[in-house]
Each structure stands twice: as structure tokens, then as C-alpha cells.
C-alpha atoms as a PDB file:
ATOM      1  CA  MET A   1      11.830 -96.527  -2.784  1.00  0.00           C
ATOM      2  CA  ARG A   2       8.467 -96.584  -1.086  1.00  0.00           C
ATOM      3  CA  HIS A   3       7.703 -93.124  -2.453  1.00  0.00           C
ATOM      4  CA  ARG A   4       7.859 -94.429  -6.033  1.00  0.00           C
ATOM      5  CA  GLY A   5       5.374 -97.219  -5.330  1.00  0.00           C
ATOM      6  CA  ILE A   6       2.957 -94.789  -3.787  1.00  0.00           C
ATOM      7  CA  SER A   7       3.411 -92.423  -6.706  1.00  0.00           C
ATOM      8  CA  LYS A   8       2.537 -95.190  -9.186  1.00  0.00           C
ATOM      9  CA  THR A   9      -0.674 -95.808  -7.283  1.00  0.00           C
ATOM     10  CA  ILE A  10      -1.610 -92.249  -6.441  1.00  0.00           C
ATOM     11  CA  GLN A  11      -0.856 -90.550  -9.746  1.00  0.00           C
ATOM     12  CA  PRO A  12      -3.516 -92.441 -11.775  1.00  0.00           C
ATOM     13  CA  LEU A  13      -6.047 -91.863  -8.987  1.00  0.00           C
ATOM     14  CA  ALA A  14      -5.207 -88.165  -8.881  1.00  0.00           C
ATOM     15  CA  GLN A  15      -5.507 -87.883 -12.668  1.00  0.00           C
ATOM     16  CA  PHE A  16      -8.850 -89.686 -12.629  1.00  0.00           C
ATOM     17  CA  ARG A  17     -10.139 -87.438  -9.833  1.00  0.00           C
ATOM     18  CA  TYR A  18      -8.991 -84.342 -11.711  1.00  0.00           C
ATOM     19  CA  ARG A  19     -10.680 -85.427 -14.937  1.00  0.00           C
ATOM     20  CA  LEU A  20     -13.830 -86.435 -13.076  1.00  0.00           C
ATOM     21  CA  ARG A  21     -14.015 -83.039 -11.355  1.00  0.00           C
ATOM     22  CA  ARG A  22     -13.550 -81.299 -14.713  1.00  0.00           C
ATOM     23  CA  PHE A  23     -16.427 -83.344 -16.145  1.00  0.00           C
ATOM     24  CA  LEU A  24     -18.618 -82.513 -13.151  1.00  0.00           C
ATOM     25  CA  ARG A  25     -17.784 -78.812 -13.491  1.00  0.00           C
ATOM     26  CA  PHE A  26     -18.703 -79.002 -17.206  1.00  0.00           C
ATOM     27  CA  SER A  27     -21.981 -80.713 -16.275  1.00  0.00           C
ATOM     28  CA  GLU A  28     -22.871 -78.066 -13.698  1.00  0.00           C
ATOM     29  CA  LYS A  29     -22.201 -75.232 -16.142  1.00  0.00           C
ATOM     30  CA  ALA A  30     -24.125 -76.953 -18.954  1.00  0.00           C
ATOM     31  CA  ALA A  31     -27.156 -77.471 -16.698  1.00  0.00           C
ATOM     32  CA  ARG A  32     -27.198 -73.826 -15.630  1.00  0.00           C
ATOM     33  CA  ALA A  33     -26.828 -72.691 -19.256  1.00  0.00           C
ATOM     34  CA  ALA A  34     -29.843 -74.883 -20.143  1.00  0.00           C
ATOM     35  CA  GLY A  35     -31.927 -73.132 -17.480  1.00  0.00           C
ATOM     36  CA  VAL A  36     -31.972 -75.873 -14.846  1.00  0.00           C
ATOM     37  CA  THR A  37     -29.986 -76.450 -11.693  1.00  0.00           C
ATOM     38  CA  PRO A  38     -27.371 -79.217 -11.633  1.00  0.00           C
ATOM     39  CA  GLN A  39     -29.597 -81.041  -9.136  1.00  0.00           C
ATOM     40  CA  GLN A  40     -32.598 -80.823 -11.492  1.00  0.00           C
ATOM     41  CA  HIS A  41     -30.439 -82.205 -14.297  1.00  0.00           C
ATOM     42  CA  GLN A  42     -29.385 -85.139 -12.120  1.00  0.00           C
ATOM     43  CA  LEU A  43     -33.009 -85.682 -11.117  1.00  0.00           C
ATOM     44  CA  MET A  44     -34.153 -85.798 -14.751  1.00  0.00           C
ATOM     45  CA  LEU A  45     -31.316 -88.163 -15.606  1.00  0.00           C
ATOM     46  CA  GLY A  46     -32.339 -90.468 -12.753  1.00  0.00           C
ATOM     47  CA  ILE A  47     -36.002 -90.421 -13.770  1.00  0.00           C
ATOM     48  CA  ALA A  48     -35.260 -91.197 -17.400  1.00  0.00           C
ATOM     49  CA  GLY A  49     -32.493 -93.719 -17.005  1.00  0.00           C
ATOM     50  CA  PHE A  50     -31.886 -95.184 -13.556  1.00  0.00           C
ATOM     51  CA  THR A  51     -34.601 -97.846 -13.481  1.00  0.00           C
ATOM     52  CA  GLY A  52     -34.830 -98.536 -17.195  1.00  0.00           C
ATOM     53  CA  ARG A  53     -38.587 -97.830 -17.081  1.00  0.00           C
ATOM     54  CA  GLY A  54     -38.449 -94.127 -17.938  1.00  0.00           C
ATOM     55  CA  TRP A  55     -39.965 -93.170 -14.580  1.00  0.00           C
ATOM     56  CA  ALA A  56     -38.942 -93.585 -10.951  1.00  0.00           C
ATOM     57  CA  THR A  57     -40.254 -93.538  -7.417  1.00  0.00           C
ATOM     58  CA  ILE A  58     -39.047 -91.165  -4.736  1.00  0.00           C
ATOM     59  CA  SER A  59     -37.161 -94.042  -3.065  1.00  0.00           C
ATOM     60  CA  GLU A  60     -35.410 -94.927  -6.324  1.00  0.00           C
ATOM     61  CA  LEU A  61     -34.458 -91.306  -6.860  1.00  0.00           C
ATOM     62  CA  GLN A  62     -33.204 -91.149  -3.291  1.00  0.00           C
ATOM     63  CA  GLU A  63     -30.846 -94.029  -4.088  1.00  0.00           C
ATOM     64  CA  PHE A  64     -29.773 -92.565  -7.443  1.00  0.00           C
ATOM     65  CA  LEU A  65     -29.074 -89.122  -6.015  1.00  0.00           C
ATOM     66  CA  GLN A  66     -27.664 -90.444  -2.726  1.00  0.00           C
ATOM     67  CA  GLU A  67     -29.739 -87.902  -0.813  1.00  0.00           C
ATOM     68  CA  ARG A  68     -32.126 -87.952   2.137  1.00  0.00           C
ATOM     69  CA  HIS A  69     -35.790 -88.666   1.442  1.00  0.00           C
ATOM     70  CA  ASN A  70     -37.017 -85.182   2.368  1.00  0.00           C
ATOM     71  CA  ALA A  71     -34.346 -83.537   0.174  1.00  0.00           C
ATOM     72  CA  VAL A  72     -35.479 -85.609  -2.826  1.00  0.00           C
ATOM     73  CA  VAL A  73     -39.135 -84.779  -2.172  1.00  0.00           C
ATOM     74  CA  ALA A  74     -38.277 -81.063  -2.077  1.00  0.00           C
ATOM     75  CA  LEU A  75     -36.230 -81.346  -5.297  1.00  0.00           C
ATOM     76  CA  VAL A  76     -39.080 -83.169  -7.060  1.00  0.00           C
ATOM     77  CA  ASN A  77     -41.550 -80.518  -5.887  1.00  0.00           C
ATOM     78  CA  ARG A  78     -39.338 -77.712  -7.234  1.00  0.00           C
ATOM     79  CA  ALA A  79     -38.901 -79.538 -10.544  1.00  0.00           C
ATOM     80  CA  ALA A  80     -42.673 -80.069 -10.745  1.00  0.00           C
ATOM     81  CA  ARG A  81     -43.245 -76.339 -10.214  1.00  0.00           C
ATOM     82  CA  ALA A  82     -40.754 -75.702 -13.046  1.00  0.00           C
ATOM     83  CA  ARG A  83     -42.820 -78.126 -15.192  1.00  0.00           C
ATOM     84  CA  LEU A  84     -39.854 -80.465 -15.712  1.00  0.00           C
ATOM     85  CA  VAL A  85     -41.455 -83.450 -13.962  1.00  0.00           C
ATOM     86  CA  ARG A  86     -44.902 -84.726 -13.106  1.00  0.00           C
ATOM     87  CA  LYS A  87     -45.836 -86.581  -9.912  1.00  0.00           C
ATOM     88  CA  SER A  88     -48.646 -89.082  -9.657  1.00  0.00           C
ATOM     89  CA  THR A  89     -49.880 -91.317  -6.865  1.00  0.00           C
ATOM     90  CA  VAL A  90     -51.824 -94.559  -6.770  1.00  0.00           C
ATOM     91  CA  ALA A  91     -55.258 -94.121  -5.191  1.00  0.00           C
ATOM     92  CA  ARG A  92     -54.932 -97.181  -2.936  1.00  0.00           C
ATOM     93  CA  ASP A  93     -51.468 -96.228  -1.610  1.00  0.00           C
ATOM     94  CA  ARG A  94     -50.706 -92.524  -1.655  1.00  0.00           C
ATOM     95  CA  ARG A  95     -47.213 -93.217  -0.283  1.00  0.00           C
ATOM     96  CA  PHE A  96     -46.224 -94.541  -3.729  1.00  0.00           C
ATOM     97  CA  VAL A  97     -45.248 -91.504  -5.801  1.00  0.00           C
ATOM     98  CA  ARG A  98     -44.359 -92.034  -9.446  1.00  0.00           C
ATOM     99  CA  VAL A  99     -42.227 -89.316 -11.037  1.00  0.00           C
ATOM    100  CA  ASP A 100     -42.168 -88.857 -14.831  1.00  0.00           C
ATOM    101  CA  LEU A 101     -40.538 -86.287 -17.077  1.00  0.00           C
ATOM    102  CA  THR A 102     -42.835 -83.809 -18.793  1.00  0.00           C
ATOM    103  CA  PRO A 103     -42.376 -83.066 -22.504  1.00  0.00           C
ATOM    104  CA  ALA A 104     -40.383 -79.962 -21.479  1.00  0.00           C
ATOM    105  CA  GLY A 105     -38.231 -82.113 -19.189  1.00  0.00           C
ATOM    106  CA  HIS A 106     -37.568 -84.558 -22.020  1.00  0.00           C
ATOM    107  CA  VAL A 107     -36.469 -81.721 -24.322  1.00  0.00           C
ATOM    108  CA  ARG A 108     -34.084 -80.246 -21.745  1.00  0.00           C
ATOM    109  CA  LEU A 109     -32.636 -83.638 -20.873  1.00  0.00           C
ATOM    110  CA  ALA A 110     -32.117 -84.551 -24.544  1.00  0.00           C
ATOM    111  CA  LYS A 111     -30.203 -81.320 -25.172  1.00  0.00           C
ATOM    112  CA  LEU A 112     -28.068 -81.767 -22.073  1.00  0.00           C
ATOM    113  CA  SER A 113     -27.435 -85.422 -22.876  1.00  0.00           C
ATOM    114  CA  ALA A 114     -26.125 -84.550 -26.336  1.00  0.00           C
ATOM    115  CA  LEU A 115     -23.668 -82.093 -24.791  1.00  0.00           C
ATOM    116  CA  HIS A 116     -22.625 -84.625 -22.170  1.00  0.00           C
ATOM    117  CA  ARG A 117     -22.029 -87.393 -24.734  1.00  0.00           C
ATOM    118  CA  ARG A 118     -19.544 -85.140 -26.535  1.00  0.00           C
ATOM    119  CA  GLU A 119     -17.819 -84.258 -23.279  1.00  0.00           C
ATOM    120  CA  LEU A 120     -17.687 -87.923 -22.248  1.00  0.00           C
ATOM    121  CA  ALA A 121     -15.910 -88.718 -25.498  1.00  0.00           C
ATOM    122  CA  ARG A 122     -13.241 -86.196 -24.472  1.00  0.00           C
ATOM    123  CA  PHE A 123     -13.124 -87.635 -20.944  1.00  0.00           C
ATOM    124  CA  HIS A 124     -12.623 -91.160 -22.277  1.00  0.00           C
ATOM    125  CA  ASP A 125      -9.651 -90.211 -24.471  1.00  0.00           C
ATOM    126  CA  GLY A 126      -7.524 -93.205 -23.608  1.00  0.00           C
ATOM    127  CA  SER A 127      -7.930 -93.201 -19.842  1.00  0.00           C
ATOM    128  CA  GLY A 128      -9.120 -96.800 -19.906  1.00  0.00           C
ATOM    129  CA  ILE A 129     -12.289 -95.715 -18.136  1.00  0.00           C
ATOM    130  CA  ALA A 130     -15.419 -96.578 -20.092  1.00  0.00           C
ATOM    131  CA  LEU A 131     -18.126 -94.161 -18.995  1.00  0.00           C
ATOM    132  CA  SER A 132     -19.896 -93.823 -22.314  1.00  0.00           C
ATOM    133  CA  SER A 133     -22.058 -96.952 -22.139  1.00  0.00           C
ATOM    134  CA  GLY A 134     -23.390 -99.586 -19.813  1.00  0.00           C
ATOM    135  CA  ARG A 135     -22.000-102.318 -22.094  1.00  0.00           C
ATOM    136  CA  ALA A 136     -18.583-102.131 -20.471  1.00  0.00           C
ATOM    137  CA  GLU A 137     -20.102-102.636 -17.025  1.00  0.00           C
ATOM    138  CA  GLY A 138     -22.080-105.650 -18.241  1.00  0.00           C
ATOM    139  CA  GLN A 139     -19.022-107.121 -19.928  1.00  0.00           C
ATOM    140  CA  ALA A 140     -16.961-106.655 -16.764  1.00  0.00           C
ATOM    141  CA  ARG A 141     -19.677-108.300 -14.645  1.00  0.00           C
ATOM    142  CA  ARG A 142     -19.886-111.291 -17.040  1.00  0.00           C
ATOM    143  CA  ALA A 143     -16.107-111.625 -17.004  1.00  0.00           C
ATOM    144  CA  ARG A 144     -16.050-111.598 -13.183  1.00  0.00           C
ATOM    145  CA  ASN A 145     -18.810-114.202 -13.058  1.00  0.00           C
ATOM    146  CA  ALA A 146     -17.023-116.408 -15.578  1.00  0.00           C
ATOM    147  CA  ASP A 147     -13.762-116.012 -13.674  1.00  0.00           C
ATOM    148  CA  GLY A 148     -15.459-116.964 -10.407  1.00  0.00           C
ATOM    149  CA  LYS A 149     -16.980-120.090 -11.971  1.00  0.00           C
ATOM    150  CA  ALA A 150     -13.633-121.087 -13.438  1.00  0.00           C
ATOM    151  CA  ARG A 151     -11.948-120.742 -10.035  1.00  0.00           C
ATOM    152  CA  ARG A 152     -14.610-122.863  -8.343  1.00  0.00           C
ATOM    153  CA  GLY A 153     -14.370-125.442 -11.114  1.00  0.00           C
ATOM    154  CA  ALA A 154     -18.072-125.097 -11.868  1.00  0.00           C
ATOM    155  CA  GLY A 155     -18.893-125.663 -15.509  1.00  0.00           C
ATOM    156  CA  SER A 156     -16.721-124.837 -18.465  1.00  0.00           C
ATOM    157  CA  ALA A 157     -16.777-121.040 -18.526  1.00  0.00           C
ATOM    158  CA  LYS A 158     -14.676-119.547 -21.278  1.00  0.00           C
ATOM    159  CA  ILE A 159     -12.721-116.411 -20.521  1.00  0.00           C
ATOM    160  CA  ALA A 160     -11.958-114.418 -23.608  1.00  0.00           C
END
């Protein structure tokens, strides 16, 4: 009996992991076909979208990429040599490094993003996993907040 309960839990996780790995493999191949490394693609994605500003600091990219500081600095330097990104510092504090995409970086990222949007549509084909927009995350967060308020009896939060 216990085997069946585990199977009901493990099978959806295994399917999700399989589909996620297939998406990651697609992403790696698409990046290489576009003339960048998968790491450079992730870097450009982080610069353009992680902070919402269209640029990022080394520390922010370190968080986005989940890498060590020196590894991110080396990746940024390689991407700068490839003319995908541009680094700039503030005169009064040279430790603050701002990283922006170059026009060439924007073009590459736009092409890769179009390919990835199509692949995400395939990935999302009924799995119940909304990866195609941040709206689902925001809706889930609002629902959790409303649920928490309702449980505490604070206010009159409506749960739709």
C-alpha cells in the first residue's frame, strides 16, 4: 500500500523534473546555435530581466545565477570581450559595477527569448505549472497573503 502513496507523490515530481531537464537541454542547444554559451545566455537574461531595471550589478547577477562572485566577474568579462555586455563603474565607488546589455546583446537575447517562449508554451501544455509569466507568481503570492489574513481574522480579505 505504501508503494502506491509514494508513487502518487513521486511520479508528478519525476515528470516535472524530466520536462524541466528537456527544457534546459533545449535552452542550452538554442544558446549555442545563437553563438553564445548557455552561461552567457543566462547572464543576458539576468541583466535584462532580474531586477526590472534592464541592468544589474555583479552582486545581483551572482544571486540570479547562483554562482560565486569571482565566477560571475569572469563570466561578465568574457561577455564584455564578446561585446554582449558593457560594464561601467561609478567614479566615487569603483566596487559598484553596473552591467548593461549592448545592442548586440539585446539582439541575441531577443532572438533567444522568442525561441524560448515557443518552447515554454510546449512545456506548459497542461502540466499546471505556469512558467510563461510572472502574473501567476504574483497571483499566488496575493492568494497566500489573503489566506493568511483570513486565518488570523485580520480584515475582510476575499479569497476568489
